[in-house]
PDB file of N, CA and C in Angstrom:
ATOM      1  N   MET A   1       0.876  -1.219  -0.050  1.00  0.00           N
ATOM      2  CA  MET A   1       0.313  -0.263   0.086  1.00  0.00           C
ATOM      3  C   MET A   1       0.733   1.079   0.061  1.00  0.00           C
ATOM      4  N   THR A   2       0.632   2.455  -0.727  1.00  0.00           N
ATOM      5  CA  THR A   2       1.343   3.561  -1.272  1.00  0.00           C
ATOM      6  C   THR A   2       1.119   4.485   0.202  1.00  0.00           C
ATOM      7  N   GLU A   3       1.719   5.338   0.248  1.00  0.00           N
ATOM      8  CA  GLU A   3       1.455   6.512   1.047  1.00  0.00           C
ATOM      9  C   GLU A   3       0.007   7.179   0.589  1.00  0.00           C
ATOM     10  N   ARG A   4      -0.511   7.292  -0.553  1.00  0.00           N
ATOM     11  CA  ARG A   4      -1.082   7.749  -0.971  1.00  0.00           C
ATOM     12  C   ARG A   4      -2.202   7.374  -0.834  1.00  0.00           C
ATOM     13  N   ASP A   5      -2.640   5.848  -0.505  1.00  0.00           N
ATOM     14  CA  ASP A   5      -3.400   4.978  -0.818  1.00  0.00           C
ATOM     15  C   ASP A   5      -3.929   4.991   1.013  1.00  0.00           C
ATOM     16  N   LEU A   6      -2.653   5.338   1.744  1.00  0.00           N
ATOM     17  CA  LEU A   6      -3.265   5.565   3.529  1.00  0.00           C
ATOM     18  C   LEU A   6      -3.925   6.856   3.699  1.00  0.00           C
ATOM     19  N   LEU A   7      -3.703   7.909   2.842  1.00  0.00           N
ATOM     20  CA  LEU A   7      -4.331   9.173   2.781  1.00  0.00           C
ATOM     21  C   LEU A   7      -5.728   9.180   2.603  1.00  0.00           C
ATOM     22  N   SER A   8      -6.114   8.262   1.402  1.00  0.00           N
ATOM     23  CA  SER A   8      -7.218   8.914   0.642  1.00  0.00           C
ATOM     24  C   SER A   8      -8.050   7.362   1.229  1.00  0.00           C
ATOM     25  N   SER A   9      -9.187   7.337   0.755  1.00  0.00           N
ATOM     26  CA  SER A   9     -10.264   6.207   1.229  1.00  0.00           C
ATOM     27  C   SER A   9     -11.365   6.400   0.414  1.00  0.00           C
ATOM     28  N   ASP A  10     -12.600   5.071   0.248  1.00  0.00           N
ATOM     29  CA  ASP A  10     -13.543   5.603  -0.173  1.00  0.00           C
ATOM     30  C   ASP A  10     -14.512   6.554   0.027  1.00  0.00           C
ATOM     31  N   THR A  11     -14.679   6.373   1.393  1.00  0.00           N
ATOM     32  CA  THR A  11     -15.385   7.447   2.453  1.00  0.00           C
ATOM     33  C   THR A  11     -15.048   8.978   1.488  1.00  0.00           C
ATOM     34  N   TYR A  12     -14.296   9.310   1.629  1.00  0.00           N
ATOM     35  CA  TYR A  12     -13.836  10.812   1.155  1.00  0.00           C
ATOM     36  C   TYR A  12     -12.969  10.586  -0.196  1.00  0.00           C
ATOM     37  N   SER A  13     -14.334   9.742  -1.386  1.00  0.00           N
ATOM     38  CA  SER A  13     -13.627   9.968  -2.869  1.00  0.00           C
ATOM     39  C   SER A  13     -14.019  11.394  -3.198  1.00  0.00           C
ATOM     40  N   SER A  14     -13.099  11.688  -4.323  1.00  0.00           N
ATOM     41  CA  SER A  14     -13.539  12.775  -4.823  1.00  0.00           C
ATOM     42  C   SER A  14     -15.159  13.027  -5.607  1.00  0.00           C
ATOM     43  N   ASP A  15     -15.720  12.135  -6.185  1.00  0.00           N
ATOM     44  CA  ASP A  15     -17.165  11.961  -6.298  1.00  0.00           C
ATOM     45  C   ASP A  15     -17.562  12.764  -4.670  1.00  0.00           C
ATOM     46  N   SER A  16     -17.421  13.052  -3.666  1.00  0.00           N
ATOM     47  CA  SER A  16     -18.149  13.371  -2.808  1.00  0.00           C
ATOM     48  C   SER A  16     -17.863  14.607  -2.009  1.00  0.00           C
ATOM     49  N   TYR A  17     -16.854  15.480  -2.925  1.00  0.00           N
ATOM     50  CA  TYR A  17     -16.570  16.696  -2.831  1.00  0.00           C
ATOM     51  C   TYR A  17     -17.695  17.707  -3.007  1.00  0.00           C
ATOM     52  N   ALA A  18     -17.920  18.685  -2.202  1.00  0.00           N
ATOM     53  CA  ALA A  18     -19.038  19.584  -2.116  1.00  0.00           C
ATOM     54  C   ALA A  18     -18.588  20.688  -1.397  1.00  0.00           C
ATOM     55  N   SER A  19     -19.508  22.036  -2.592  1.00  0.00           N
ATOM     56  CA  SER A  19     -18.842  22.834  -1.740  1.00  0.00           C
ATOM     57  C   SER A  19     -19.970  23.717  -1.716  1.00  0.00           C
ATOM     58  N   ASP A  20     -20.132  25.352  -0.340  1.00  0.00           N
ATOM     59  CA  ASP A  20     -20.668  25.776  -1.045  1.00  0.00           C
ATOM     60  C   ASP A  20     -20.034  27.646  -1.185  1.00  0.00           C
ATOM     61  N   ILE A  21     -20.212  27.642  -2.123  1.00  0.00           N
ATOM     62  CA  ILE A  21     -19.084  29.138  -2.461  1.00  0.00           C
ATOM     63  C   ILE A  21     -20.208  30.206  -2.865  1.00  0.00           C
ATOM     64  N   GLY A  22     -21.276  30.549  -1.755  1.00  0.00           N
ATOM     65  CA  GLY A  22     -22.198  31.179  -2.349  1.00  0.00           C
ATOM     66  C   GLY A  22     -21.996  32.614  -1.474  1.00  0.00           C
ATOM     67  N   SER A  23     -21.817  32.402  -0.414  1.00  0.00           N
ATOM     68  CA  SER A  23     -21.340  33.864   0.765  1.00  0.00           C
ATOM     69  C   SER A  23     -19.971  33.856   0.886  1.00  0.00           C
ATOM     70  N   SER A  24     -19.963  35.042   1.145  1.00  0.00           N
ATOM     71  CA  SER A  24     -18.450  35.552   1.626  1.00  0.00           C
ATOM     72  C   SER A  24     -18.021  34.705   2.820  1.00  0.00           C
ATOM     73  N   ASP A  25     -18.683  34.569   3.881  1.00  0.00           N
ATOM     74  CA  ASP A  25     -18.477  33.478   4.986  1.00  0.00           C
ATOM     75  C   ASP A  25     -17.994  32.379   4.313  1.00  0.00           C
ATOM     76  N   SER A  26     -18.497  31.491   3.541  1.00  0.00           N
ATOM     77  CA  SER A  26     -18.458  30.300   3.140  1.00  0.00           C
ATOM     78  C   SER A  26     -16.642  30.232   2.525  1.00  0.00           C
ATOM     79  N   VAL A  27     -16.434  31.274   1.710  1.00  0.00           N
ATOM     80  CA  VAL A  27     -15.152  31.303   1.518  1.00  0.00           C
ATOM     81  C   VAL A  27     -14.312  31.603   2.139  1.00  0.00           C
ATOM     82  N   SER A  28     -14.304  32.344   3.034  1.00  0.00           N
ATOM     83  CA  SER A  28     -13.533  32.706   4.101  1.00  0.00           C
ATOM     84  C   SER A  28     -13.044  31.277   5.034  1.00  0.00           C
ATOM     85  N   HIS A  29     -13.785  30.634   5.407  1.00  0.00           N
ATOM     86  CA  HIS A  29     -13.609  29.371   5.902  1.00  0.00           C
ATOM     87  C   HIS A  29     -13.828  28.448   5.427  1.00  0.00           C
ATOM     88  N   LEU A  30     -13.573  28.116   3.688  1.00  0.00           N
ATOM     89  CA  LEU A  30     -13.761  27.048   2.857  1.00  0.00           C
ATOM     90  C   LEU A  30     -14.633  25.773   3.617  1.00  0.00           C
ATOM     91  N   ALA A  31     -16.273  26.438   3.253  1.00  0.00           N
ATOM     92  CA  ALA A  31     -17.206  25.437   3.735  1.00  0.00           C
ATOM     93  C   ALA A  31     -17.237  24.231   2.726  1.00  0.00           C
ATOM     94  N   GLY A  32     -16.185  23.618   2.406  1.00  0.00           N
ATOM     95  CA  GLY A  32     -16.435  22.467   1.631  1.00  0.00           C
ATOM     96  C   GLY A  32     -16.806  21.364   2.548  1.00  0.00           C
ATOM     97  N   THR A  33     -17.407  20.660   2.026  1.00  0.00           N
ATOM     98  CA  THR A  33     -17.620  19.002   3.013  1.00  0.00           C
ATOM     99  C   THR A  33     -17.511  18.053   1.969  1.00  0.00           C
ATOM    100  N   LEU A  34     -17.584  16.969   2.834  1.00  0.00           N
ATOM    101  CA  LEU A  34     -17.153  15.729   2.255  1.00  0.00           C
ATOM    102  C   LEU A  34     -18.365  14.446   3.158  1.00  0.00           C
ATOM    103  N   ALA A  35     -19.327  14.458   1.836  1.00  0.00           N
ATOM    104  CA  ALA A  35     -20.115  13.683   2.704  1.00  0.00           C
ATOM    105  C   ALA A  35     -20.757  12.499   1.093  1.00  0.00           C
ATOM    106  N   ASP A  36     -20.961  11.509   1.742  1.00  0.00           N
ATOM    107  CA  ASP A  36     -21.602   9.999   0.957  1.00  0.00           C
ATOM    108  C   ASP A  36     -23.066  10.381   0.982  1.00  0.00           C
ATOM    109  N   PRO A  37     -23.385  10.408  -0.574  1.00  0.00           N
ATOM    110  CA  PRO A  37     -24.847  10.883  -0.613  1.00  0.00           C
ATOM    111  C   PRO A  37     -25.479   9.812  -0.593  1.00  0.00           C
ATOM    112  N   THR A  38     -25.325   8.329   0.100  1.00  0.00           N
ATOM    113  CA  THR A  38     -25.599   7.267   0.160  1.00  0.00           C
ATOM    114  C   THR A  38     -25.689   7.237   1.854  1.00  0.00           C
ATOM    115  N   ALA A  39     -24.977   8.058   2.808  1.00  0.00           N
ATOM    116  CA  ALA A  39     -25.375   7.613   3.940  1.00  0.00           C
ATOM    117  C   ALA A  39     -26.174   8.468   4.358  1.00  0.00           C
ATOM    118  N   ASN A  40     -26.335   8.137   5.822  1.00  0.00           N
ATOM    119  CA  ASN A  40     -27.507   9.223   6.637  1.00  0.00           C
ATOM    120  C   ASN A  40     -26.517   9.859   7.728  1.00  0.00           C
ATOM    121  N   THR A  41     -25.464  10.172   7.453  1.00  0.00           N
ATOM    122  CA  THR A  41     -24.644  10.870   8.099  1.00  0.00           C
ATOM    123  C   THR A  41     -24.327  12.485   7.272  1.00  0.00           C
ATOM    124  N   PRO A  42     -24.401  13.377   8.290  1.00  0.00           N
ATOM    125  CA  PRO A  42     -24.297  14.724   8.014  1.00  0.00           C
ATOM    126  C   PRO A  42     -22.901  14.931   7.125  1.00  0.00           C
ATOM    127  N   PRO A  43     -22.851  15.845   6.078  1.00  0.00           N
ATOM    128  CA  PRO A  43     -21.437  16.655   5.485  1.00  0.00           C
ATOM    129  C   PRO A  43     -20.436  16.674   6.619  1.00  0.00           C
ATOM    130  N   GLN A  44     -19.238  16.310   6.287  1.00  0.00           N
ATOM    131  CA  GLN A  44     -18.284  16.606   7.553  1.00  0.00           C
ATOM    132  C   GLN A  44     -17.439  17.943   6.412  1.00  0.00           C
ATOM    133  N   PRO A  45     -17.178  18.413   7.451  1.00  0.00           N
ATOM    134  CA  PRO A  45     -16.262  19.779   6.710  1.00  0.00           C
ATOM    135  C   PRO A  45     -15.196  19.179   6.326  1.00  0.00           C
ATOM    136  N   LEU A  46     -14.548  20.045   5.128  1.00  0.00           N
ATOM    137  CA  LEU A  46     -12.798  19.540   4.412  1.00  0.00           C
ATOM    138  C   LEU A  46     -12.291  19.737   5.396  1.00  0.00           C
ATOM    139  N   ARG A  47     -12.044  20.741   6.702  1.00  0.00           N
ATOM    140  CA  ARG A  47     -11.034  20.923   7.167  1.00  0.00           C
ATOM    141  C   ARG A  47     -10.929  19.543   8.148  1.00  0.00           C
ATOM    142  N   GLU A  48     -12.409  19.227   9.102  1.00  0.00           N
ATOM    143  CA  GLU A  48     -12.282  17.785   9.527  1.00  0.00           C
ATOM    144  C   GLU A  48     -11.763  16.433   8.744  1.00  0.00           C
ATOM    145  N   ALA A  49     -12.039  16.664   7.562  1.00  0.00           N
ATOM    146  CA  ALA A  49     -11.950  15.440   6.357  1.00  0.00           C
ATOM    147  C   ALA A  49     -10.755  15.409   6.828  1.00  0.00           C
ATOM    148  N   VAL A  50      -9.771  16.182   6.720  1.00  0.00           N
ATOM    149  CA  VAL A  50      -8.309  16.547   6.057  1.00  0.00           C
ATOM    150  C   VAL A  50      -8.005  15.636   7.580  1.00  0.00           C
ATOM    151  N   GLU A  51      -8.098  15.970   8.430  1.00  0.00           N
ATOM    152  CA  GLU A  51      -7.875  16.241  10.144  1.00  0.00           C
ATOM    153  C   GLU A  51      -7.745  14.381  10.380  1.00  0.00           C
ATOM    154  N   THR A  52      -8.960  14.030   9.788  1.00  0.00           N
ATOM    155  CA  THR A  52      -9.397  12.927  10.048  1.00  0.00           C
ATOM    156  C   THR A  52      -8.110  11.695   9.162  1.00  0.00           C
ATOM    157  N   ALA A  53      -8.230  12.331   7.728  1.00  0.00           N
ATOM    158  CA  ALA A  53      -7.390  11.152   7.312  1.00  0.00           C
ATOM    159  C   ALA A  53      -6.223  11.240   7.672  1.00  0.00           C
ATOM    160  N   MET A  54      -5.478  12.447   7.978  1.00  0.00           N
ATOM    161  CA  MET A  54      -3.796  12.264   8.239  1.00  0.00           C
ATOM    162  C   MET A  54      -3.885  11.470   9.532  1.00  0.00           C
ATOM    163  N   ARG A  55      -4.836  11.407  10.549  1.00  0.00           N
ATOM    164  CA  ARG A  55      -4.917  10.873  11.711  1.00  0.00           C
ATOM    165  C   ARG A  55      -4.525   9.280  11.181  1.00  0.00           C
ATOM    166  N   ARG A  56      -5.334   8.864  10.119  1.00  0.00           N
ATOM    167  CA  ARG A  56      -5.596   7.705   9.671  1.00  0.00           C
ATOM    168  C   ARG A  56      -4.456   7.172   9.000  1.00  0.00           C
ATOM    169  N   TYR A  57      -3.592   8.275   8.380  1.00  0.00           N
ATOM    170  CA  TYR A  57      -2.364   7.964   7.624  1.00  0.00           C
ATOM    171  C   TYR A  57      -1.486   7.789   8.663  1.00  0.00           C
ATOM    172  N   PHE A  58      -1.337   8.716   9.799  1.00  0.00           N
ATOM    173  CA  PHE A  58      -0.211   8.118  10.736  1.00  0.00           C
ATOM    174  C   PHE A  58      -0.295   6.975  11.811  1.00  0.00           C
ATOM    175  N   GLU A  59      -2.099   6.702  11.818  1.00  0.00           N
ATOM    176  CA  GLU A  59      -1.886   5.318  12.244  1.00  0.00           C
ATOM    177  C   GLU A  59      -1.733   4.382  11.357  1.00  0.00           C
ATOM    178  N   HIS A  60      -1.787   4.280  10.081  1.00  0.00           N
ATOM    179  CA  HIS A  60      -1.403   3.226   9.268  1.00  0.00           C
ATOM    180  C   HIS A  60      -0.060   3.225   8.989  1.00  0.00           C
ATOM    181  N   LEU A  61       1.072   4.181   9.188  1.00  0.00           N
ATOM    182  CA  LEU A  61       2.249   4.281   8.905  1.00  0.00           C
ATOM    183  C   LEU A  61       3.203   3.249   9.910  1.00  0.00           C
ATOM    184  N   ASP A  62       2.403   2.665  10.761  1.00  0.00           N
ATOM    185  CA  ASP A  62       2.759   2.043  12.076  1.00  0.00           C
ATOM    186  C   ASP A  62       4.348   1.749  12.496  1.00  0.00           C
ATOM    187  N   GLY A  63       4.797   3.569  12.775  1.00  0.00           N
ATOM    188  CA  GLY A  63       6.112   3.048  12.791  1.00  0.00           C
ATOM    189  C   GLY A  63       7.019   3.507  12.111  1.00  0.00           C
ATOM    190  N   SER A  64       6.617   3.521  10.707  1.00  0.00           N
ATOM    191  CA  SER A  64       7.463   3.572   9.271  1.00  0.00           C
ATOM    192  C   SER A  64       7.657   5.476   9.068  1.00  0.00           C
ATOM    193  N   GLN A  65       8.468   5.482   8.543  1.00  0.00           N
ATOM    194  CA  GLN A  65       8.976   7.076   8.771  1.00  0.00           C
ATOM    195  C   GLN A  65       7.904   7.911   7.090  1.00  0.00           C
ATOM    196  N   ALA A  66       7.196   8.709   7.462  1.00  0.00           N
ATOM    197  CA  ALA A  66       6.982   9.744   6.332  1.00  0.00           C
ATOM    198  C   ALA A  66       7.788  10.777   5.919  1.00  0.00           C
ATOM    199  N   SER A  67       7.361  10.826   4.207  1.00  0.00           N
ATOM    200  CA  SER A  67       9.052  11.613   3.702  1.00  0.00           C
ATOM    201  C   SER A  67       7.777  12.353   2.589  1.00  0.00           C
ATOM    202  N   ASP A  68       8.264  13.523   2.328  1.00  0.00           N
ATOM    203  CA  ASP A  68       7.670  14.865   1.602  1.00  0.00           C
ATOM    204  C   ASP A  68       5.933  14.074   1.754  1.00  0.00           C
ATOM    205  N   LEU A  69       5.548  14.584   3.037  1.00  0.00           N
ATOM    206  CA  LEU A  69       4.415  14.411   3.368  1.00  0.00           C
ATOM    207  C   LEU A  69       3.239  15.791   2.547  1.00  0.00           C
ATOM    208  N   TYR A  70       4.049  17.081   2.738  1.00  0.00           N
ATOM    209  CA  TYR A  70       3.369  18.418   2.455  1.00  0.00           C
ATOM    210  C   TYR A  70       3.433  18.120   0.439  1.00  0.00           C
ATOM    211  N   ALA A  71       3.910  17.918   0.189  1.00  0.00           N
ATOM    212  CA  ALA A  71       3.846  18.088  -1.214  1.00  0.00           C
ATOM    213  C   ALA A  71       2.861  16.569  -1.784  1.00  0.00           C
ATOM    214  N   MET A  72       2.921  15.666  -0.908  1.00  0.00           N
ATOM    215  CA  MET A  72       2.093  14.621  -1.149  1.00  0.00           C
ATOM    216  C   MET A  72       0.768  14.861  -0.798  1.00  0.00           C
ATOM    217  N   VAL A  73       0.416  15.752   0.135  1.00  0.00           N
ATOM    218  CA  VAL A  73      -0.754  16.060   0.360  1.00  0.00           C
ATOM    219  C   VAL A  73      -1.470  17.137  -0.428  1.00  0.00           C
ATOM    220  N   MET A  74      -0.747  18.093  -0.646  1.00  0.00           N
ATOM    221  CA  MET A  74      -1.337  19.159  -1.762  1.00  0.00           C
ATOM    222  C   MET A  74      -1.563  18.616  -3.054  1.00  0.00           C
ATOM    223  N   ALA A  75      -0.884  17.804  -3.652  1.00  0.00           N
ATOM    224  CA  ALA A  75      -1.242  17.131  -4.844  1.00  0.00           C
ATOM    225  C   ALA A  75      -2.514  16.294  -4.138  1.00  0.00           C
ATOM    226  N   GLU A  76      -2.817  15.594  -3.919  1.00  0.00           N
ATOM    227  CA  GLU A  76      -3.971  14.627  -3.849  1.00  0.00           C
ATOM    228  C   GLU A  76      -5.122  16.011  -3.578  1.00  0.00           C
ATOM    229  N   VAL A  77      -5.069  17.558  -3.064  1.00  0.00           N
ATOM    230  CA  VAL A  77      -6.082  18.135  -2.711  1.00  0.00           C
ATOM    231  C   VAL A  77      -6.112  19.407  -4.139  1.00  0.00           C
ATOM    232  N   GLU A  78      -5.068  19.567  -4.446  1.00  0.00           N
ATOM    233  CA  GLU A  78      -5.063  20.620  -5.518  1.00  0.00           C
ATOM    234  C   GLU A  78      -5.322  20.156  -7.085  1.00  0.00           C
ATOM    235  N   ALA A  79      -4.946  18.545  -7.362  1.00  0.00           N
ATOM    236  CA  ALA A  79      -5.451  18.264  -8.607  1.00  0.00           C
ATOM    237  C   ALA A  79      -6.683  18.444  -8.589  1.00  0.00           C
ATOM    238  N   PRO A  80      -7.689  17.453  -7.976  1.00  0.00           N
ATOM    239  CA  PRO A  80      -8.865  17.548  -7.458  1.00  0.00           C
ATOM    240  C   PRO A  80      -9.846  19.012  -7.883  1.00  0.00           C
ATOM    241  N   LEU A  81      -9.173  19.814  -6.933  1.00  0.00           N
ATOM    242  CA  LEU A  81      -9.259  21.144  -7.562  1.00  0.00           C
ATOM    243  C   LEU A  81      -9.613  21.588  -8.160  1.00  0.00           C
ATOM    244  N   LEU A  82      -8.262  21.654  -8.697  1.00  0.00           N
ATOM    245  CA  LEU A  82      -7.848  22.245 -10.087  1.00  0.00           C
ATOM    246  C   LEU A  82      -9.070  21.893 -11.552  1.00  0.00           C
ATOM    247  N   ALA A  83      -9.173  20.352 -11.292  1.00  0.00           N
ATOM    248  CA  ALA A  83     -10.315  19.747 -12.288  1.00  0.00           C
ATOM    249  C   ALA A  83     -11.751  20.184 -11.736  1.00  0.00           C
ATOM    250  N   CYS A  84     -11.973  20.164 -10.568  1.00  0.00           N
ATOM    251  CA  CYS A  84     -13.400  20.681 -10.393  1.00  0.00           C
ATOM    252  C   CYS A  84     -13.919  22.059 -11.025  1.00  0.00           C
ATOM    253  N   VAL A  85     -12.736  23.316 -10.994  1.00  0.00           N
ATOM    254  CA  VAL A  85     -13.159  24.195 -11.451  1.00  0.00           C
ATOM    255  C   VAL A  85     -12.874  24.330 -12.542  1.00  0.00           C
ATOM    256  N   LEU A  86     -12.284  24.026 -13.536  1.00  0.00           N
ATOM    257  CA  LEU A  86     -12.260  23.847 -14.177  1.00  0.00           C
ATOM    258  C   LEU A  86     -13.228  23.238 -15.274  1.00  0.00           C
ATOM    259  N   GLU A  87     -14.134  22.026 -14.656  1.00  0.00           N
ATOM    260  CA  GLU A  87     -15.222  21.699 -15.202  1.00  0.00           C
ATOM    261  C   GLU A  87     -15.865  22.971 -14.834  1.00  0.00           C
ATOM    262  N   HIS A  88     -16.557  23.712 -13.709  1.00  0.00           N
ATOM    263  CA  HIS A  88     -16.957  24.548 -13.549  1.00  0.00           C
ATOM    264  C   HIS A  88     -17.313  25.581 -14.217  1.00  0.00           C
ATOM    265  N   THR A  89     -15.900  25.945 -14.523  1.00  0.00           N
ATOM    266  CA  THR A  89     -16.290  27.195 -15.450  1.00  0.00           C
ATOM    267  C   THR A  89     -15.802  26.699 -17.235  1.00  0.00           C
ATOM    268  N   ASP A  90     -16.279  25.645 -17.163  1.00  0.00           N
ATOM    269  CA  ASP A  90     -16.953  24.743 -18.615  1.00  0.00           C
ATOM    270  C   ASP A  90     -15.462  24.957 -19.584  1.00  0.00           C
ATOM    271  N   GLY A  91     -13.814  24.574 -18.944  1.00  0.00           N
ATOM    272  CA  GLY A  91     -13.153  24.758 -19.780  1.00  0.00           C
ATOM    273  C   GLY A  91     -12.103  25.711 -19.865  1.00  0.00           C
ATOM    274  N   ASN A  92     -12.587  27.226 -19.452  1.00  0.00           N
ATOM    275  CA  ASN A  92     -12.493  28.244 -19.760  1.00  0.00           C
ATOM    276  C   ASN A  92     -11.304  28.910 -18.187  1.00  0.00           C
ATOM    277  N   GLN A  93     -10.000  28.964 -18.868  1.00  0.00           N
ATOM    278  CA  GLN A  93      -8.641  28.563 -18.192  1.00  0.00           C
ATOM    279  C   GLN A  93      -9.206  30.300 -17.335  1.00  0.00           C
ATOM    280  N   THR A  94      -9.161  31.121 -17.902  1.00  0.00           N
ATOM    281  CA  THR A  94      -9.138  32.594 -17.517  1.00  0.00           C
ATOM    282  C   THR A  94     -10.304  32.617 -16.227  1.00  0.00           C
ATOM    283  N   ARG A  95     -11.690  32.113 -16.589  1.00  0.00           N
ATOM    284  CA  ARG A  95     -12.329  32.179 -15.468  1.00  0.00           C
ATOM    285  C   ARG A  95     -11.791  31.614 -14.147  1.00  0.00           C
ATOM    286  N   ALA A  96     -11.558  30.134 -14.712  1.00  0.00           N
ATOM    287  CA  ALA A  96     -10.801  29.549 -13.343  1.00  0.00           C
ATOM    288  C   ALA A  96      -9.706  29.536 -12.380  1.00  0.00           C
ATOM    289  N   ALA A  97      -8.931  30.488 -13.091  1.00  0.00           N
ATOM    290  CA  ALA A  97      -8.002  31.475 -12.682  1.00  0.00           C
ATOM    291  C   ALA A  97      -8.156  32.321 -11.871  1.00  0.00           C
ATOM    292  N   ASP A  98      -9.873  33.041 -12.209  1.00  0.00           N
ATOM    293  CA  ASP A  98     -10.152  34.171 -11.518  1.00  0.00           C
ATOM    294  C   ASP A  98     -10.899  33.454 -10.091  1.00  0.00           C
ATOM    295  N   VAL A  99     -11.720  32.344 -10.385  1.00  0.00           N
ATOM    296  CA  VAL A  99     -12.306  31.415  -9.274  1.00  0.00           C
ATOM    297  C   VAL A  99     -10.756  31.162  -8.443  1.00  0.00           C
ATOM    298  N   LEU A 100     -10.110  30.898  -8.718  1.00  0.00           N
ATOM    299  CA  LEU A 100      -9.040  30.139  -7.923  1.00  0.00           C
ATOM    300  C   LEU A 100      -8.367  31.164  -7.163  1.00  0.00           C
ATOM    301  N   GLY A 101      -7.993  32.284  -7.827  1.00  0.00           N
ATOM    302  CA  GLY A 101      -7.256  33.552  -7.229  1.00  0.00           C
ATOM    303  C   GLY A 101      -6.030  33.377  -7.946  1.00  0.00           C
ATOM    304  N   LEU A 102      -5.888  32.905  -8.696  1.00  0.00           N
ATOM    305  CA  LEU A 102      -4.403  32.890  -9.295  1.00  0.00           C
ATOM    306  C   LEU A 102      -4.404  33.529 -11.030  1.00  0.00           C
ATOM    307  N   ASN A 103      -2.834  33.694 -11.153  1.00  0.00           N
ATOM    308  CA  ASN A 103      -2.547  34.037 -12.451  1.00  0.00           C
ATOM    309  C   ASN A 103      -3.046  32.989 -13.439  1.00  0.00           C
ATOM    310  N   ARG A 104      -3.195  33.449 -14.385  1.00  0.00           N
ATOM    311  CA  ARG A 104      -3.414  31.953 -15.306  1.00  0.00           C
ATOM    312  C   ARG A 104      -2.768  31.304 -15.916  1.00  0.00           C
ATOM    313  N   GLY A 105      -1.308  32.046 -15.794  1.00  0.00           N
ATOM    314  CA  GLY A 105       0.303  31.303 -16.574  1.00  0.00           C
ATOM    315  C   GLY A 105      -0.122  30.450 -15.371  1.00  0.00           C
ATOM    316  N   THR A 106       0.026  30.587 -13.915  1.00  0.00           N
ATOM    317  CA  THR A 106       0.276  29.540 -13.063  1.00  0.00           C
ATOM    318  C   THR A 106      -0.360  28.582 -13.039  1.00  0.00           C
ATOM    319  N   LEU A 107      -2.119  28.937 -13.458  1.00  0.00           N
ATOM    320  CA  LEU A 107      -2.908  27.768 -13.408  1.00  0.00           C
ATOM    321  C   LEU A 107      -2.712  26.854 -14.301  1.00  0.00           C
ATOM    322  N   ARG A 108      -2.391  27.038 -15.912  1.00  0.00           N
ATOM    323  CA  ARG A 108      -2.080  26.148 -17.080  1.00  0.00           C
ATOM    324  C   ARG A 108      -0.353  25.629 -16.362  1.00  0.00           C
ATOM    325  N   LYS A 109       0.469  25.708 -15.717  1.00  0.00           N
ATOM    326  CA  LYS A 109       1.268  25.233 -15.185  1.00  0.00           C
ATOM    327  C   LYS A 109       0.954  24.329 -14.510  1.00  0.00           C
ATOM    328  N   LYS A 110       0.472  24.452 -13.496  1.00  0.00           N
ATOM    329  CA  LYS A 110      -0.472  23.444 -12.562  1.00  0.00           C
ATOM    330  C   LYS A 110      -1.089  22.401 -13.313  1.00  0.00           C
ATOM    331  N   LEU A 111      -2.174  22.663 -14.158  1.00  0.00           N
ATOM    332  CA  LEU A 111      -2.580  21.823 -14.945  1.00  0.00           C
ATOM    333  C   LEU A 111      -1.861  20.902 -15.902  1.00  0.00           C
ATOM    334  N   LYS A 112      -0.722  21.462 -16.139  1.00  0.00           N
ATOM    335  CA  LYS A 112       0.442  20.629 -16.991  1.00  0.00           C
ATOM    336  C   LYS A 112       0.973  19.610 -15.611  1.00  0.00           C
ATOM    337  N   GLN A 113       1.191  20.036 -15.064  1.00  0.00           N
ATOM    338  CA  GLN A 113       1.897  19.362 -14.014  1.00  0.00           C
ATOM    339  C   GLN A 113       0.709  18.382 -13.569  1.00  0.00           C
ATOM    340  N   TYR A 114      -0.326  18.323 -13.701  1.00  0.00           N
ATOM    341  CA  TYR A 114      -1.292  17.336 -13.120  1.00  0.00           C
ATOM    342  C   TYR A 114      -2.088  16.742 -14.065  1.00  0.00           C
ATOM    343  N   GLY A 115      -1.387  16.947 -15.495  1.00  0.00           N
ATOM    344  CA  GLY A 115      -1.958  16.220 -16.731  1.00  0.00           C
ATOM    345  C   GLY A 115      -3.312  16.524 -16.561  1.00  0.00           C
ATOM    346  N   LEU A 116      -3.600  17.573 -16.585  1.00  0.00           N
ATOM    347  CA  LEU A 116      -4.958  17.743 -16.971  1.00  0.00           C
ATOM    348  C   LEU A 116      -5.243  18.953 -18.124  1.00  0.00           C
ATOM    349  N   ILE A 117      -4.288  18.804 -18.461  1.00  0.00           N
ATOM    350  CA  ILE A 117      -3.987  19.835 -20.193  1.00  0.00           C
ATOM    351  C   ILE A 117      -2.594  19.514 -20.995  1.00  0.00           C
ATOM    352  N   GLU A 118      -2.887  19.203 -21.987  1.00  0.00           N
ATOM    353  CA  GLU A 118      -1.738  19.039 -22.389  1.00  0.00           C
ATOM    354  C   GLU A 118      -0.615  19.945 -22.465  1.00  0.00           C
ATOM    355  N   GLY A 119       0.544  19.629 -22.773  1.00  0.00           N
ATOM    356  CA  GLY A 119       1.708  20.677 -22.527  1.00  0.00           C
ATOM    357  C   GLY A 119       1.487  21.439 -24.173  1.00  0.00           C
ATOM    358  N   ASP A 120       1.995  23.096 -24.537  1.00  0.00           N
ATOM    359  CA  ASP A 120       1.965  23.657 -25.525  1.00  0.00           C
ATOM    360  C   ASP A 120       2.792  22.626 -26.421  1.00  0.00           C
ATOM    361  N   ALA A 121       2.540  22.729 -28.055  1.00  0.00           N
ATOM    362  CA  ALA A 121       3.192  22.168 -29.393  1.00  0.00           C
ATOM    363  C   ALA A 121       4.617  22.801 -29.102  1.00  0.00           C
ATOM    364  N   PRO A 122       5.533  22.124 -29.672  1.00  0.00           N
ATOM    365  CA  PRO A 122       6.739  22.691 -30.043  1.00  0.00           C
ATOM    366  C   PRO A 122       6.578  23.696 -31.029  1.00  0.00           C
TER     367      PRO A 122
END
């Protein structure tokens, strides 16, 4: 089992990410939630889901040493974030960059990094 396998689980699949960006309050505290639509449990705030996943990750390490944890977690979160925002903006990278608060060039670099777009032709 890889480090990424330990960090993720079926309970927190990317299909169950939802966010409520309708108010300025929700933007300020990332009101994203992780909910299983088939479960009768209330949605879990994104912050709590990350904490739960990290605690589970450390428990499963069973004494092994973690490395590059920050990069691994950022990649696990950033790739689906970018994909969802790009989908939300119907592939419009300028709008997606605005939604994310990124420079369009930075967004393109990240999209290429995660294989979400092809690189520029030579």
